[in-house]
Amino acid sequence: MGEPEPNLEEFFEDKRPPRNPLVPVGALMTAGVLTAGLISFRQGNSQLGQKLMRARVVVQGATVALMVGTAYYYGGNPWKKSI
């Protein structure tokens, strides 16, 4: 009937997703600061809890920036038209 479709693993065998080891570290830091902030709120220390929640936002933003930067660096410019 026709040629069999190529196996996807064969088609993408040389494509391996790049990994940035700092992204899991940032995710763990985010989870740790979030947990500490929730514990502080639970214990009634709202000032410390608020500071930890603000720190969580900063750490989470840095982690997202690392993810976007890694994708941009290894993936090229998604807004540039290829010919």
C-alpha atoms as a PDB file:
ATOM      1  CA  MET A   1       0.000   0.000   0.000  1.00  0.00           C
ATOM      2  CA  GLY A   2       2.582   2.507   0.991  1.00  0.00           C
ATOM      3  CA  GLU A   3       5.699   2.925   2.986  1.00  0.00           C
ATOM      4  CA  PRO A   4       5.374   2.198   6.703  1.00  0.00           C
ATOM      5  CA  GLU A   5       5.492   5.258   8.911  1.00  0.00           C
ATOM      6  CA  PRO A   6       8.859   5.811  10.578  1.00  0.00           C
ATOM      7  CA  ASN A   7       9.062   5.106  14.260  1.00  0.00           C
ATOM      8  CA  LEU A   8       9.068   8.337  16.268  1.00  0.00           C
ATOM      9  CA  GLU A   9      12.041   7.180  18.328  1.00  0.00           C
ATOM     10  CA  GLU A  10      14.054   6.718  15.137  1.00  0.00           C
ATOM     11  CA  PHE A  11      12.979  10.112  13.832  1.00  0.00           C
ATOM     12  CA  PHE A  12      14.026  11.920  16.998  1.00  0.00           C
ATOM     13  CA  GLU A  13      16.888   9.682  18.082  1.00  0.00           C
ATOM     14  CA  ASP A  14      19.456  12.494  17.986  1.00  0.00           C
ATOM     15  CA  LYS A  15      17.133  14.952  19.768  1.00  0.00           C
ATOM     16  CA  ARG A  16      17.635  14.902  23.514  1.00  0.00           C
ATOM     17  CA  PRO A  17      16.057  17.559  25.668  1.00  0.00           C
ATOM     18  CA  PRO A  18      18.661  19.788  27.279  1.00  0.00           C
ATOM     19  CA  ARG A  19      18.675  19.737  31.027  1.00  0.00           C
ATOM     20  CA  ASN A  20      19.593  22.556  33.335  1.00  0.00           C
ATOM     21  CA  PRO A  21      20.597  21.126  36.721  1.00  0.00           C
ATOM     22  CA  LEU A  22      19.647  24.368  38.444  1.00  0.00           C
ATOM     23  CA  VAL A  23      15.940  23.999  37.616  1.00  0.00           C
ATOM     24  CA  PRO A  24      15.314  21.059  40.016  1.00  0.00           C
ATOM     25  CA  VAL A  25      17.334  22.870  42.670  1.00  0.00           C
ATOM     26  CA  GLY A  26      15.129  25.933  42.228  1.00  0.00           C
ATOM     27  CA  ALA A  27      12.001  23.794  42.407  1.00  0.00           C
ATOM     28  CA  LEU A  28      13.168  22.202  45.653  1.00  0.00           C
ATOM     29  CA  MET A  29      14.061  25.606  47.085  1.00  0.00           C
ATOM     30  CA  THR A  30      10.614  26.905  46.134  1.00  0.00           C
ATOM     31  CA  ALA A  31       8.944  23.953  47.840  1.00  0.00           C
ATOM     32  CA  GLY A  32      11.116  24.372  50.940  1.00  0.00           C
ATOM     33  CA  VAL A  33      10.413  28.074  51.324  1.00  0.00           C
ATOM     34  CA  LEU A  34       6.700  27.473  50.711  1.00  0.00           C
ATOM     35  CA  THR A  35       6.615  24.780  53.391  1.00  0.00           C
ATOM     36  CA  ALA A  36       8.471  26.971  55.876  1.00  0.00           C
ATOM     37  CA  GLY A  37       6.085  29.851  55.170  1.00  0.00           C
ATOM     38  CA  LEU A  38       3.015  27.684  55.671  1.00  0.00           C
ATOM     39  CA  ILE A  39       4.423  26.337  58.937  1.00  0.00           C
ATOM     40  CA  SER A  40       5.083  29.899  60.107  1.00  0.00           C
ATOM     41  CA  PHE A  41       1.523  30.920  59.328  1.00  0.00           C
ATOM     42  CA  ARG A  42       0.232  27.833  61.120  1.00  0.00           C
ATOM     43  CA  GLN A  43       2.251  28.694  64.229  1.00  0.00           C
ATOM     44  CA  GLY A  44       0.885  32.231  64.229  1.00  0.00           C
ATOM     45  CA  ASN A  45       4.045  34.041  63.132  1.00  0.00           C
ATOM     46  CA  SER A  46       2.452  35.972  60.293  1.00  0.00           C
ATOM     47  CA  GLN A  47       5.339  38.430  59.806  1.00  0.00           C
ATOM     48  CA  LEU A  48       7.852  35.654  59.167  1.00  0.00           C
ATOM     49  CA  GLY A  49       5.308  33.786  57.053  1.00  0.00           C
ATOM     50  CA  GLN A  50       4.755  36.869  54.907  1.00  0.00           C
ATOM     51  CA  LYS A  51       8.499  37.319  54.386  1.00  0.00           C
ATOM     52  CA  LEU A  52       8.861  33.675  53.430  1.00  0.00           C
ATOM     53  CA  MET A  53       5.990  33.936  50.954  1.00  0.00           C
ATOM     54  CA  ARG A  54       7.686  36.914  49.340  1.00  0.00           C
ATOM     55  CA  ALA A  55      10.945  34.947  49.213  1.00  0.00           C
ATOM     56  CA  ARG A  56       9.040  32.070  47.587  1.00  0.00           C
ATOM     57  CA  VAL A  57       7.849  34.392  44.824  1.00  0.00           C
ATOM     58  CA  VAL A  58      11.438  35.499  44.164  1.00  0.00           C
ATOM     59  CA  VAL A  59      12.801  31.937  44.133  1.00  0.00           C
ATOM     60  CA  GLN A  60       9.930  30.736  41.953  1.00  0.00           C
ATOM     61  CA  GLY A  61      10.480  33.603  39.515  1.00  0.00           C
ATOM     62  CA  ALA A  62      14.173  32.772  39.291  1.00  0.00           C
ATOM     63  CA  THR A  63      13.320  29.131  38.576  1.00  0.00           C
ATOM     64  CA  VAL A  64      10.906  30.086  35.810  1.00  0.00           C
ATOM     65  CA  ALA A  65      13.511  32.460  34.366  1.00  0.00           C
ATOM     66  CA  LEU A  66      16.025  29.578  34.325  1.00  0.00           C
ATOM     67  CA  MET A  67      13.521  27.377  32.504  1.00  0.00           C
ATOM     68  CA  VAL A  68      12.745  30.045  29.916  1.00  0.00           C
ATOM     69  CA  GLY A  69      16.429  30.906  29.498  1.00  0.00           C
ATOM     70  CA  THR A  70      17.356  27.265  28.988  1.00  0.00           C
ATOM     71  CA  ALA A  71      14.592  26.790  26.422  1.00  0.00           C
ATOM     72  CA  TYR A  72      15.642  29.961  24.605  1.00  0.00           C
ATOM     73  CA  TYR A  73      19.339  29.038  24.642  1.00  0.00           C
ATOM     74  CA  TYR A  74      18.888  25.494  23.373  1.00  0.00           C
ATOM     75  CA  GLY A  75      15.808  26.024  21.267  1.00  0.00           C
ATOM     76  CA  GLY A  76      16.701  29.167  19.405  1.00  0.00           C
ATOM     77  CA  ASN A  77      14.490  32.177  18.979  1.00  0.00           C
ATOM     78  CA  PRO A  78      10.845  31.105  18.625  1.00  0.00           C
ATOM     79  CA  TRP A  79       9.867  34.502  17.203  1.00  0.00           C
ATOM     80  CA  LYS A  80      12.431  34.398  14.399  1.00  0.00           C
ATOM     81  CA  LYS A  81      10.991  33.104  11.144  1.00  0.00           C
ATOM     82  CA  SER A  82      13.016  30.332   9.591  1.00  0.00           C
ATOM     83  CA  ILE A  83      13.265  30.150   5.836  1.00  0.00           C
END
